[in-house]
């Protein structure tokens, strides 16, 4: 639901904002202005949109995009706003205080603001096993400036030899690679926790080990995983066997799912899903290549959505993705 569908006493403010937004997007942005993103999740009541608009406008800011979701018969409100502002007139510390006041006013579950040009990039660690198509895709996107994160390390249960594309890339960019082998003498999850304690979230780029509920509780932050099929169907590992079975069955659509990791295997809230058509003309190799391409695209889009504050928790096991 966008702002035009939000019927409340804030109608005049919302409509004016939308008109300004279309005009603003047609002109070249003022280089002196900074870009901000704000997400809000709180119990629903009249006047929330008006107060968000007032908070931004009172500091000389201008809303460019506003998305709102109010579920039917649910007393809950979600919004995401993109705005421009003068960082001299509205300093970052003051912005935090203003949105904190707004949060207290509406007893918000979540109120988060980011200024991408000022705030530190999200710091992440990538976990991967032997297959490296997702890992390589993320590393190249990061190198090209298309992935707004800082990669602190790559962690794997697979010992890659030194003279490979991945290892040369990591060495060139001074990204540590940690090979953690399983053994009875050590707890791999303890080792991982020691390596990722200063990260903002983790990405499982085809990491074929199950993280325990104890690990997830101790880490305490989000973990994002790419799955080789359309969840909730096709749960579980062994993607090669599942791909072979799907190919032999003559399926006409294949898919990929990016989701948050929870204690339930492949049962976490879904962030992104993608599908592609296949046909009798595909052989097993082209079938697998299409599947891997979907996985790369699906994971990349989910990470970008997360970094752009587009993903919010909804109900017990769902997400709102603006």
C-alpha atoms as a PDB file:
ATOM      1  CA  UNK A   1       0.000   0.000   0.000  1.00  0.00           C
ATOM      2  CA  UNK A   2       1.496   3.365  -0.969  1.00  0.00           C
ATOM      3  CA  UNK A   3       0.718   6.717   0.546  1.00  0.00           C
ATOM      4  CA  UNK A   4      -2.141   7.386  -1.853  1.00  0.00           C
ATOM      5  CA  UNK A   5      -4.006   4.477  -0.307  1.00  0.00           C
ATOM      6  CA  UNK A   6      -3.604   5.739   3.251  1.00  0.00           C
ATOM      7  CA  UNK A   7      -6.888   7.377   4.249  1.00  0.00           C
ATOM      8  CA  UNK A   8      -6.436   9.555   7.316  1.00  0.00           C
ATOM      9  CA  UNK A   9      -6.444  13.151   8.472  1.00  0.00           C
ATOM     10  CA  UNK A  10      -3.032  13.536   6.822  1.00  0.00           C
ATOM     11  CA  UNK A  11      -4.460  13.338   3.249  1.00  0.00           C
ATOM     12  CA  UNK A  12      -3.509  16.921   2.199  1.00  0.00           C
ATOM     13  CA  UNK A  13       0.061  16.500   3.452  1.00  0.00           C
ATOM     14  CA  UNK A  14       0.470  13.115   1.787  1.00  0.00           C
ATOM     15  CA  UNK A  15      -0.888  14.240  -1.585  1.00  0.00           C
ATOM     16  CA  UNK A  16       1.318  17.306  -1.569  1.00  0.00           C
ATOM     17  CA  UNK A  17       4.293  15.126  -0.779  1.00  0.00           C
ATOM     18  CA  UNK A  18       3.550  12.828  -3.695  1.00  0.00           C
ATOM     19  CA  UNK A  19       3.295  15.765  -6.118  1.00  0.00           C
ATOM     20  CA  UNK A  20       6.629  17.125  -4.917  1.00  0.00           C
ATOM     21  CA  UNK A  21       8.146  13.697  -5.207  1.00  0.00           C
ATOM     22  CA  UNK A  22       7.422  13.269  -8.905  1.00  0.00           C
ATOM     23  CA  UNK A  23       8.715  16.776  -9.696  1.00  0.00           C
ATOM     24  CA  UNK A  24      11.840  16.274  -7.608  1.00  0.00           C
ATOM     25  CA  UNK A  25      12.770  13.014  -9.312  1.00  0.00           C
ATOM     26  CA  UNK A  26      12.748  14.672 -12.748  1.00  0.00           C
ATOM     27  CA  UNK A  27      15.405  17.248 -11.936  1.00  0.00           C
ATOM     28  CA  UNK A  28      19.096  16.855 -11.258  1.00  0.00           C
ATOM     29  CA  UNK A  29      19.743  16.379  -7.522  1.00  0.00           C
ATOM     30  CA  UNK A  30      21.334  19.265  -5.645  1.00  0.00           C
ATOM     31  CA  UNK A  31      24.881  18.111  -4.798  1.00  0.00           C
ATOM     32  CA  UNK A  32      24.712  19.944  -1.470  1.00  0.00           C
ATOM     33  CA  UNK A  33      21.824  17.720  -0.324  1.00  0.00           C
ATOM     34  CA  UNK A  34      22.232  14.322   1.319  1.00  0.00           C
ATOM     35  CA  UNK A  35      19.965  11.301   0.925  1.00  0.00           C
ATOM     36  CA  UNK A  36      18.324   9.650   3.923  1.00  0.00           C
ATOM     37  CA  UNK A  37      16.173   6.557   4.491  1.00  0.00           C
ATOM     38  CA  UNK A  38      13.791   6.067   7.413  1.00  0.00           C
ATOM     39  CA  UNK A  39      11.741   2.988   8.313  1.00  0.00           C
ATOM     40  CA  UNK A  40       9.016   2.924  10.952  1.00  0.00           C
ATOM     41  CA  UNK A  41       7.067   0.082  12.558  1.00  0.00           C
ATOM     42  CA  UNK A  42       4.553   0.853  15.277  1.00  0.00           C
ATOM     43  CA  UNK A  43       0.957   0.283  16.424  1.00  0.00           C
ATOM     44  CA  UNK A  44      -1.403   1.932  13.954  1.00  0.00           C
ATOM     45  CA  UNK A  45      -3.187   5.170  14.763  1.00  0.00           C
ATOM     46  CA  UNK A  46      -4.313   8.343  13.017  1.00  0.00           C
ATOM     47  CA  UNK A  47      -1.657  10.937  12.259  1.00  0.00           C
ATOM     48  CA  UNK A  48       1.519   8.858  11.883  1.00  0.00           C
ATOM     49  CA  UNK A  49       2.105   9.883   8.253  1.00  0.00           C
ATOM     50  CA  UNK A  50       1.558  13.528   9.147  1.00  0.00           C
ATOM     51  CA  UNK A  51       4.088  13.389  11.979  1.00  0.00           C
ATOM     52  CA  UNK A  52       6.733  11.655   9.848  1.00  0.00           C
ATOM     53  CA  UNK A  53       6.255  14.301   7.146  1.00  0.00           C
ATOM     54  CA  UNK A  54       6.375  17.067   9.733  1.00  0.00           C
ATOM     55  CA  UNK A  55       9.561  15.669  11.305  1.00  0.00           C
ATOM     56  CA  UNK A  56      11.369  15.737   7.949  1.00  0.00           C
ATOM     57  CA  UNK A  57       9.870  18.988   6.635  1.00  0.00           C
ATOM     58  CA  UNK A  58      10.498  20.909   9.860  1.00  0.00           C
ATOM     59  CA  UNK A  59      14.231  20.439   9.297  1.00  0.00           C
ATOM     60  CA  UNK A  60      14.033  21.501   5.648  1.00  0.00           C
ATOM     61  CA  UNK A  61      13.961  17.952   4.303  1.00  0.00           C
ATOM     62  CA  UNK A  62      11.904  16.818   1.324  1.00  0.00           C
ATOM     63  CA  UNK A  63      10.355  13.358   0.954  1.00  0.00           C
ATOM     64  CA  UNK A  64      11.040  11.760  -2.426  1.00  0.00           C
ATOM     65  CA  UNK A  65       9.448   8.339  -1.925  1.00  0.00           C
ATOM     66  CA  UNK A  66       7.079   7.095   0.766  1.00  0.00           C
ATOM     67  CA  UNK A  67       5.709   3.556   1.086  1.00  0.00           C
ATOM     68  CA  UNK A  68       3.153   2.492   3.686  1.00  0.00           C
ATOM     69  CA  UNK A  69       1.680  -0.862   4.640  1.00  0.00           C
ATOM     70  CA  UNK A  70      -1.214  -1.225   7.091  1.00  0.00           C
ATOM     71  CA  UNK A  71      -2.511  -4.839   7.106  1.00  0.00           C
ATOM     72  CA  UNK A  72      -6.272  -5.331   7.143  1.00  0.00           C
ATOM     73  CA  UNK A  73      -7.630  -5.904  10.646  1.00  0.00           C
ATOM     74  CA  UNK A  74      -4.151  -5.637  12.166  1.00  0.00           C
ATOM     75  CA  UNK A  75      -3.284  -2.798  14.511  1.00  0.00           C
ATOM     76  CA  UNK A  76       0.135  -2.251  12.976  1.00  0.00           C
ATOM     77  CA  UNK A  77       1.755   0.357  10.748  1.00  0.00           C
ATOM     78  CA  UNK A  78       4.831   0.062   8.507  1.00  0.00           C
ATOM     79  CA  UNK A  79       6.474   2.810   6.477  1.00  0.00           C
ATOM     80  CA  UNK A  80       9.643   3.517   4.544  1.00  0.00           C
ATOM     81  CA  UNK A  81      10.574   7.029   3.444  1.00  0.00           C
ATOM     82  CA  UNK A  82      13.397   8.327   1.266  1.00  0.00           C
ATOM     83  CA  UNK A  83      14.197  12.003   1.638  1.00  0.00           C
ATOM     84  CA  UNK A  84      16.807  14.636   0.856  1.00  0.00           C
ATOM     85  CA  UNK A  85      18.095  17.189   3.340  1.00  0.00           C
ATOM     86  CA  UNK A  86      20.818  19.730   3.940  1.00  0.00           C
ATOM     87  CA  UNK A  87      23.355  18.062   6.272  1.00  0.00           C
ATOM     88  CA  UNK A  88      24.499  21.449   7.552  1.00  0.00           C
ATOM     89  CA  UNK A  89      20.978  22.426   8.655  1.00  0.00           C
ATOM     90  CA  UNK A  90      20.041  18.942   9.885  1.00  0.00           C
ATOM     91  CA  UNK A  91      23.062  17.304  11.439  1.00  0.00           C
ATOM     92  CA  UNK A  92      23.221  13.568  11.884  1.00  0.00           C
ATOM     93  CA  UNK A  93      23.061  13.608  15.688  1.00  0.00           C
ATOM     94  CA  UNK A  94      20.010  15.875  15.646  1.00  0.00           C
ATOM     95  CA  UNK A  95      18.341  13.599  13.078  1.00  0.00           C
ATOM     96  CA  UNK A  96      18.715  10.621  15.411  1.00  0.00           C
ATOM     97  CA  UNK A  97      17.202  12.611  18.267  1.00  0.00           C
ATOM     98  CA  UNK A  98      14.250  13.784  16.135  1.00  0.00           C
ATOM     99  CA  UNK A  99      13.386  10.276  14.976  1.00  0.00           C
ATOM    100  CA  UNK A 100      13.847   8.968  18.527  1.00  0.00           C
ATOM    101  CA  UNK A 101      11.243  11.489  19.719  1.00  0.00           C
ATOM    102  CA  UNK A 102       8.944  10.271  16.940  1.00  0.00           C
ATOM    103  CA  UNK A 103       9.548   6.694  18.018  1.00  0.00           C
ATOM    104  CA  UNK A 104       8.595   7.474  21.623  1.00  0.00           C
ATOM    105  CA  UNK A 105       5.496   9.379  20.503  1.00  0.00           C
ATOM    106  CA  UNK A 106       4.059   6.298  18.759  1.00  0.00           C
ATOM    107  CA  UNK A 107       5.619   3.556  20.922  1.00  0.00           C
ATOM    108  CA  UNK A 108       7.468   2.230  17.875  1.00  0.00           C
ATOM    109  CA  UNK A 109       8.679  -1.341  17.571  1.00  0.00           C
ATOM    110  CA  UNK A 110      11.336  -0.144  15.137  1.00  0.00           C
ATOM    111  CA  UNK A 111      12.477   3.276  13.969  1.00  0.00           C
ATOM    112  CA  UNK A 112      15.706   3.312  11.989  1.00  0.00           C
ATOM    113  CA  UNK A 113      17.308   6.002   9.875  1.00  0.00           C
ATOM    114  CA  UNK A 114      20.347   5.740   7.615  1.00  0.00           C
ATOM    115  CA  UNK A 115      22.298   8.299   5.631  1.00  0.00           C
ATOM    116  CA  UNK A 116      24.299   6.120   3.192  1.00  0.00           C
ATOM    117  CA  UNK A 117      26.843   8.818   2.343  1.00  0.00           C
ATOM    118  CA  UNK A 118      27.686   9.387   6.020  1.00  0.00           C
ATOM    119  CA  UNK A 119      26.949   6.206   7.967  1.00  0.00           C
ATOM    120  CA  UNK A 120      29.442   3.320   7.977  1.00  0.00           C
ATOM    121  CA  UNK A 121      28.655   0.571   5.489  1.00  0.00           C
ATOM    122  CA  UNK A 122      27.236  -2.613   6.945  1.00  0.00           C
ATOM    123  CA  UNK A 123      30.071  -4.935   7.889  1.00  0.00           C
ATOM    124  CA  UNK A 124      29.450  -8.526   6.850  1.00  0.00           C
ATOM    125  CA  UNK A 125      31.178 -11.898   6.661  1.00  0.00           C
ATOM    126  CA  UNK A 126      30.527 -14.320   3.795  1.00  0.00           C
ATOM    127  CA  UNK A 127      30.253 -18.029   4.560  1.00  0.00           C
ATOM    128  CA  UNK A 128      30.641 -20.429   1.642  1.00  0.00           C
ATOM    129  CA  UNK A 129      31.355 -24.091   0.965  1.00  0.00           C
ATOM    130  CA  UNK A 130      32.815 -25.645  -2.193  1.00  0.00           C
ATOM    131  CA  UNK A 131      30.462 -24.128  -4.774  1.00  0.00           C
ATOM    132  CA  UNK A 132      31.523 -20.543  -5.301  1.00  0.00           C
ATOM    133  CA  UNK A 133      29.152 -19.031  -7.901  1.00  0.00           C
ATOM    134  CA  UNK A 134      27.336 -16.925  -5.280  1.00  0.00           C
ATOM    135  CA  UNK A 135      30.557 -16.030  -3.488  1.00  0.00           C
ATOM    136  CA  UNK A 136      32.279 -14.890  -6.698  1.00  0.00           C
ATOM    137  CA  UNK A 137      29.237 -12.873  -7.765  1.00  0.00           C
ATOM    138  CA  UNK A 138      29.121 -11.013  -4.431  1.00  0.00           C
ATOM    139  CA  UNK A 139      32.856 -10.327  -4.460  1.00  0.00           C
ATOM    140  CA  UNK A 140      32.734  -8.878  -7.979  1.00  0.00           C
ATOM    141  CA  UNK A 141      29.665  -6.777  -7.159  1.00  0.00           C
ATOM    142  CA  UNK A 142      31.460  -5.447  -4.074  1.00  0.00           C
ATOM    143  CA  UNK A 143      34.541  -4.642  -6.168  1.00  0.00           C
ATOM    144  CA  UNK A 144      32.383  -2.737  -8.683  1.00  0.00           C
ATOM    145  CA  UNK A 145      30.700  -0.712  -5.947  1.00  0.00           C
ATOM    146  CA  UNK A 146      27.324  -2.364  -6.515  1.00  0.00           C
ATOM    147  CA  UNK A 147      27.136  -3.974  -3.084  1.00  0.00           C
ATOM    148  CA  UNK A 148      26.938  -1.381  -0.272  1.00  0.00           C
ATOM    149  CA  UNK A 149      28.787  -3.378   2.373  1.00  0.00           C
ATOM    150  CA  UNK A 150      32.228  -3.899   3.872  1.00  0.00           C
ATOM    151  CA  UNK A 151      33.330  -7.536   3.576  1.00  0.00           C
ATOM    152  CA  UNK A 152      35.349  -8.366   6.693  1.00  0.00           C
ATOM    153  CA  UNK A 153      36.183 -11.973   5.822  1.00  0.00           C
ATOM    154  CA  UNK A 154      35.246 -15.132   3.948  1.00  0.00           C
ATOM    155  CA  UNK A 155      34.731 -18.240   6.077  1.00  0.00           C
ATOM    156  CA  UNK A 156      34.540 -21.736   4.627  1.00  0.00           C
ATOM    157  CA  UNK A 157      34.543 -25.428   5.458  1.00  0.00           C
ATOM    158  CA  UNK A 158      36.348 -25.977   2.135  1.00  0.00           C
ATOM    159  CA  UNK A 159      40.110 -25.583   1.834  1.00  0.00           C
ATOM    160  CA  UNK A 160      40.664 -23.644  -1.396  1.00  0.00           C
ATOM    161  CA  UNK A 161      44.133 -23.873  -2.896  1.00  0.00           C
ATOM    162  CA  UNK A 162      46.082 -20.631  -3.148  1.00  0.00           C
ATOM    163  CA  UNK A 163      46.298 -20.209  -6.902  1.00  0.00           C
ATOM    164  CA  UNK A 164      42.591 -19.934  -7.663  1.00  0.00           C
ATOM    165  CA  UNK A 165      40.497 -17.015  -8.840  1.00  0.00           C
ATOM    166  CA  UNK A 166      38.782 -16.617  -5.451  1.00  0.00           C
ATOM    167  CA  UNK A 167      41.985 -16.774  -3.410  1.00  0.00           C
ATOM    168  CA  UNK A 168      43.849 -14.384  -5.717  1.00  0.00           C
ATOM    169  CA  UNK A 169      40.929 -11.947  -5.511  1.00  0.00           C
ATOM    170  CA  UNK A 170      40.851 -12.092  -1.712  1.00  0.00           C
ATOM    171  CA  UNK A 171      44.603 -11.646  -1.423  1.00  0.00           C
ATOM    172  CA  UNK A 172      44.537  -8.687  -3.826  1.00  0.00           C
ATOM    173  CA  UNK A 173      41.856  -6.953  -1.752  1.00  0.00           C
ATOM    174  CA  UNK A 174      43.277  -8.060   1.608  1.00  0.00           C
ATOM    175  CA  UNK A 175      40.119  -9.919   2.632  1.00  0.00           C
ATOM    176  CA  UNK A 176      40.976 -12.718   5.101  1.00  0.00           C
ATOM    177  CA  UNK A 177      39.989 -16.293   4.192  1.00  0.00           C
ATOM    178  CA  UNK A 178      39.364 -18.667   7.084  1.00  0.00           C
ATOM    179  CA  UNK A 179      39.215 -22.392   6.440  1.00  0.00           C
ATOM    180  CA  UNK A 180      37.551 -24.111   9.396  1.00  0.00           C
ATOM    181  CA  UNK A 181      37.620 -27.881   9.253  1.00  0.00           C
ATOM    182  CA  UNK A 182      35.355 -30.062  11.344  1.00  0.00           C
ATOM    183  CA  UNK A 183      36.876 -32.192  14.060  1.00  0.00           C
ATOM    184  CA  UNK A 184      35.970 -33.707  17.410  1.00  0.00           C
ATOM    185  CA  UNK A 185      38.572 -31.591  19.157  1.00  0.00           C
ATOM    186  CA  UNK A 186      37.107 -28.197  18.328  1.00  0.00           C
ATOM    187  CA  UNK A 187      33.779 -26.421  17.972  1.00  0.00           C
ATOM    188  CA  UNK A 188      33.590 -24.773  14.550  1.00  0.00           C
ATOM    189  CA  UNK A 189      30.705 -22.534  15.606  1.00  0.00           C
ATOM    190  CA  UNK A 190      32.805 -21.094  18.438  1.00  0.00           C
ATOM    191  CA  UNK A 191      35.510 -20.302  15.892  1.00  0.00           C
ATOM    192  CA  UNK A 192      32.997 -18.628  13.580  1.00  0.00           C
ATOM    193  CA  UNK A 193      31.604 -16.534  16.424  1.00  0.00           C
ATOM    194  CA  UNK A 194      35.092 -15.360  17.275  1.00  0.00           C
ATOM    195  CA  UNK A 195      35.572 -14.190  13.681  1.00  0.00           C
ATOM    196  CA  UNK A 196      32.209 -12.448  13.176  1.00  0.00           C
ATOM    197  CA  UNK A 197      31.445 -10.777  16.515  1.00  0.00           C
ATOM    198  CA  UNK A 198      31.987  -7.279  15.057  1.00  0.00           C
ATOM    199  CA  UNK A 199      29.854  -7.836  11.930  1.00  0.00           C
ATOM    200  CA  UNK A 200      26.375  -6.397  11.344  1.00  0.00           C
ATOM    201  CA  UNK A 201      24.967  -9.498   9.644  1.00  0.00           C
ATOM    202  CA  UNK A 202      26.117 -12.715   7.975  1.00  0.00           C
ATOM    203  CA  UNK A 203      25.534 -14.008   4.447  1.00  0.00           C
ATOM    204  CA  UNK A 204      25.509 -17.724   3.688  1.00  0.00           C
ATOM    205  CA  UNK A 205      26.607 -17.811   0.047  1.00  0.00           C
ATOM    206  CA  UNK A 206      25.939 -21.510  -0.461  1.00  0.00           C
ATOM    207  CA  UNK A 207      27.324 -22.534   2.920  1.00  0.00           C
ATOM    208  CA  UNK A 208      26.271 -26.153   3.213  1.00  0.00           C
ATOM    209  CA  UNK A 209      26.511 -26.483   7.010  1.00  0.00           C
ATOM    210  CA  UNK A 210      23.574 -26.069   9.374  1.00  0.00           C
ATOM    211  CA  UNK A 211      24.021 -23.357  11.998  1.00  0.00           C
ATOM    212  CA  UNK A 212      22.586 -24.388  15.355  1.00  0.00           C
ATOM    213  CA  UNK A 213      19.992 -22.516  17.345  1.00  0.00           C
ATOM    214  CA  UNK A 214      22.654 -21.927  19.990  1.00  0.00           C
ATOM    215  CA  UNK A 215      24.882 -20.213  17.407  1.00  0.00           C
ATOM    216  CA  UNK A 216      22.020 -17.989  16.218  1.00  0.00           C
ATOM    217  CA  UNK A 217      21.185 -16.946  19.789  1.00  0.00           C
ATOM    218  CA  UNK A 218      24.789 -16.190  20.630  1.00  0.00           C
ATOM    219  CA  UNK A 219      25.390 -14.239  17.432  1.00  0.00           C
ATOM    220  CA  UNK A 220      22.162 -12.293  17.998  1.00  0.00           C
ATOM    221  CA  UNK A 221      22.037 -10.624  14.579  1.00  0.00           C
ATOM    222  CA  UNK A 222      20.529 -11.456  11.202  1.00  0.00           C
ATOM    223  CA  UNK A 223      21.838 -14.288   9.039  1.00  0.00           C
ATOM    224  CA  UNK A 224      20.781 -14.363   5.378  1.00  0.00           C
ATOM    225  CA  UNK A 225      20.820 -17.572   3.325  1.00  0.00           C
ATOM    226  CA  UNK A 226      20.292 -18.453  -0.337  1.00  0.00           C
ATOM    227  CA  UNK A 227      18.297 -21.627  -1.016  1.00  0.00           C
ATOM    228  CA  UNK A 228      18.283 -23.529  -4.305  1.00  0.00           C
ATOM    229  CA  UNK A 229      14.499 -23.816  -4.637  1.00  0.00           C
ATOM    230  CA  UNK A 230      11.182 -22.148  -3.958  1.00  0.00           C
ATOM    231  CA  UNK A 231      10.517 -22.429  -0.249  1.00  0.00           C
ATOM    232  CA  UNK A 232       8.560 -23.669   1.601  1.00  0.00           C
ATOM    233  CA  UNK A 233       8.752 -26.490  -0.973  1.00  0.00           C
ATOM    234  CA  UNK A 234      12.073 -28.200  -1.712  1.00  0.00           C
ATOM    235  CA  UNK A 235      13.489 -27.817   1.783  1.00  0.00           C
ATOM    236  CA  UNK A 236      16.771 -29.437   2.749  1.00  0.00           C
ATOM    237  CA  UNK A 237      20.247 -29.781   1.324  1.00  0.00           C
ATOM    238  CA  UNK A 238      21.850 -31.724  -1.514  1.00  0.00           C
ATOM    239  CA  UNK A 239      21.001 -29.235  -4.289  1.00  0.00           C
ATOM    240  CA  UNK A 240      22.695 -31.336  -6.972  1.00  0.00           C
ATOM    241  CA  UNK A 241      20.417 -34.291  -6.265  1.00  0.00           C
ATOM    242  CA  UNK A 242      17.335 -32.071  -6.114  1.00  0.00           C
ATOM    243  CA  UNK A 243      18.303 -30.370  -9.389  1.00  0.00           C
ATOM    244  CA  UNK A 244      18.745 -33.763 -11.035  1.00  0.00           C
ATOM    245  CA  UNK A 245      15.382 -34.948  -9.750  1.00  0.00           C
ATOM    246  CA  UNK A 246      13.670 -31.762 -10.952  1.00  0.00           C
ATOM    247  CA  UNK A 247      15.304 -32.090 -14.373  1.00  0.00           C
ATOM    248  CA  UNK A 248      14.228 -35.724 -14.721  1.00  0.00           C
ATOM    249  CA  UNK A 249      10.699 -34.761 -13.662  1.00  0.00           C
ATOM    250  CA  UNK A 250      10.534 -32.256 -16.531  1.00  0.00           C
ATOM    251  CA  UNK A 251       9.650 -29.215 -14.439  1.00  0.00           C
ATOM    252  CA  UNK A 252       8.881 -26.043 -16.378  1.00  0.00           C
ATOM    253  CA  UNK A 253       9.780 -23.504 -13.672  1.00  0.00           C
ATOM    254  CA  UNK A 254      12.794 -23.369 -11.391  1.00  0.00           C
ATOM    255  CA  UNK A 255      13.341 -20.969  -8.526  1.00  0.00           C
ATOM    256  CA  UNK A 256      15.551 -19.635  -5.746  1.00  0.00           C
ATOM    257  CA  UNK A 257      14.766 -18.202  -2.311  1.00  0.00           C
ATOM    258  CA  UNK A 258      16.661 -15.859  -0.023  1.00  0.00           C
ATOM    259  CA  UNK A 259      15.538 -16.023   3.600  1.00  0.00           C
ATOM    260  CA  UNK A 260      16.558 -15.278   7.152  1.00  0.00           C
ATOM    261  CA  UNK A 261      18.091 -18.211   9.004  1.00  0.00           C
ATOM    262  CA  UNK A 262      16.192 -19.549  12.019  1.00  0.00           C
ATOM    263  CA  UNK A 263      16.373 -22.722  14.074  1.00  0.00           C
ATOM    264  CA  UNK A 264      13.924 -24.358  11.654  1.00  0.00           C
ATOM    265  CA  UNK A 265      15.868 -25.626   8.653  1.00  0.00           C
ATOM    266  CA  UNK A 266      14.952 -23.527   5.588  1.00  0.00           C
ATOM    267  CA  UNK A 267      11.988 -22.182   7.538  1.00  0.00           C
ATOM    268  CA  UNK A 268      12.985 -18.564   8.179  1.00  0.00           C
ATOM    269  CA  UNK A 269      11.125 -15.484   6.875  1.00  0.00           C
ATOM    270  CA  UNK A 270      11.438 -15.108   3.107  1.00  0.00           C
ATOM    271  CA  UNK A 271      13.111 -11.959   1.773  1.00  0.00           C
ATOM    272  CA  UNK A 272      13.211 -12.590  -1.984  1.00  0.00           C
ATOM    273  CA  UNK A 273      12.182 -15.255  -4.510  1.00  0.00           C
ATOM    274  CA  UNK A 274      12.849 -15.553  -8.234  1.00  0.00           C
ATOM    275  CA  UNK A 275      11.744 -17.984 -10.921  1.00  0.00           C
ATOM    276  CA  UNK A 276      12.777 -18.801 -14.468  1.00  0.00           C
ATOM    277  CA  UNK A 277      11.186 -20.939 -17.141  1.00  0.00           C
ATOM    278  CA  UNK A 278      12.938 -24.061 -18.392  1.00  0.00           C
ATOM    279  CA  UNK A 279      11.889 -26.407 -21.186  1.00  0.00           C
ATOM    280  CA  UNK A 280      12.554 -29.696 -22.936  1.00  0.00           C
ATOM    281  CA  UNK A 281      15.348 -27.916 -24.826  1.00  0.00           C
ATOM    282  CA  UNK A 282      17.435 -27.610 -21.654  1.00  0.00           C
ATOM    283  CA  UNK A 283      19.968 -30.280 -20.827  1.00  0.00           C
ATOM    284  CA  UNK A 284      21.124 -30.895 -17.266  1.00  0.00           C
ATOM    285  CA  UNK A 285      24.049 -28.468 -17.621  1.00  0.00           C
ATOM    286  CA  UNK A 286      21.921 -25.554 -18.881  1.00  0.00           C
ATOM    287  CA  UNK A 287      19.315 -26.425 -16.256  1.00  0.00           C
ATOM    288  CA  UNK A 288      21.904 -26.111 -13.454  1.00  0.00           C
ATOM    289  CA  UNK A 289      23.400 -22.937 -14.972  1.00  0.00           C
ATOM    290  CA  UNK A 290      19.983 -21.269 -14.989  1.00  0.00           C
ATOM    291  CA  UNK A 291      19.434 -22.349 -11.397  1.00  0.00           C
ATOM    292  CA  UNK A 292      22.790 -20.942 -10.276  1.00  0.00           C
ATOM    293  CA  UNK A 293      22.147 -17.641 -12.077  1.00  0.00           C
ATOM    294  CA  UNK A 294      18.841 -17.349 -10.222  1.00  0.00           C
ATOM    295  CA  UNK A 295      20.584 -17.961  -6.923  1.00  0.00           C
ATOM    296  CA  UNK A 296      23.119 -15.200  -7.611  1.00  0.00           C
ATOM    297  CA  UNK A 297      20.442 -12.680  -8.627  1.00  0.00           C
ATOM    298  CA  UNK A 298      18.137 -13.575  -5.752  1.00  0.00           C
ATOM    299  CA  UNK A 299      20.849 -13.302  -3.106  1.00  0.00           C
ATOM    300  CA  UNK A 300      22.193 -10.031  -4.504  1.00  0.00           C
ATOM    301  CA  UNK A 301      18.768  -8.399  -4.558  1.00  0.00           C
ATOM    302  CA  UNK A 302      17.988  -9.533  -1.016  1.00  0.00           C
ATOM    303  CA  UNK A 303      21.236  -8.110   0.383  1.00  0.00           C
ATOM    304  CA  UNK A 304      20.653  -4.792  -1.385  1.00  0.00           C
ATOM    305  CA  UNK A 305      17.081  -4.670  -0.077  1.00  0.00           C
ATOM    306  CA  UNK A 306      18.315  -5.349   3.439  1.00  0.00           C
ATOM    307  CA  UNK A 307      20.992  -2.635   3.255  1.00  0.00           C
ATOM    308  CA  UNK A 308      18.467  -0.142   1.853  1.00  0.00           C
ATOM    309  CA  UNK A 309      16.134  -0.796   4.825  1.00  0.00           C
ATOM    310  CA  UNK A 310      13.459  -2.350   2.634  1.00  0.00           C
ATOM    311  CA  UNK A 311      12.971  -5.483   4.773  1.00  0.00           C
ATOM    312  CA  UNK A 312      10.916  -5.471   7.984  1.00  0.00           C
ATOM    313  CA  UNK A 313       9.638  -8.400  10.073  1.00  0.00           C
ATOM    314  CA  UNK A 314       5.905  -9.051   9.808  1.00  0.00           C
ATOM    315  CA  UNK A 315       3.873 -11.373  12.048  1.00  0.00           C
ATOM    316  CA  UNK A 316       5.588 -14.542  13.243  1.00  0.00           C
ATOM    317  CA  UNK A 317       7.430 -15.663  10.133  1.00  0.00           C
ATOM    318  CA  UNK A 318       6.857 -13.204   7.320  1.00  0.00           C
ATOM    319  CA  UNK A 319       8.432 -10.011   6.007  1.00  0.00           C
ATOM    320  CA  UNK A 320       7.347  -6.681   4.582  1.00  0.00           C
ATOM    321  CA  UNK A 321       9.643  -5.840   1.646  1.00  0.00           C
ATOM    322  CA  UNK A 322       9.155  -2.322   0.304  1.00  0.00           C
END
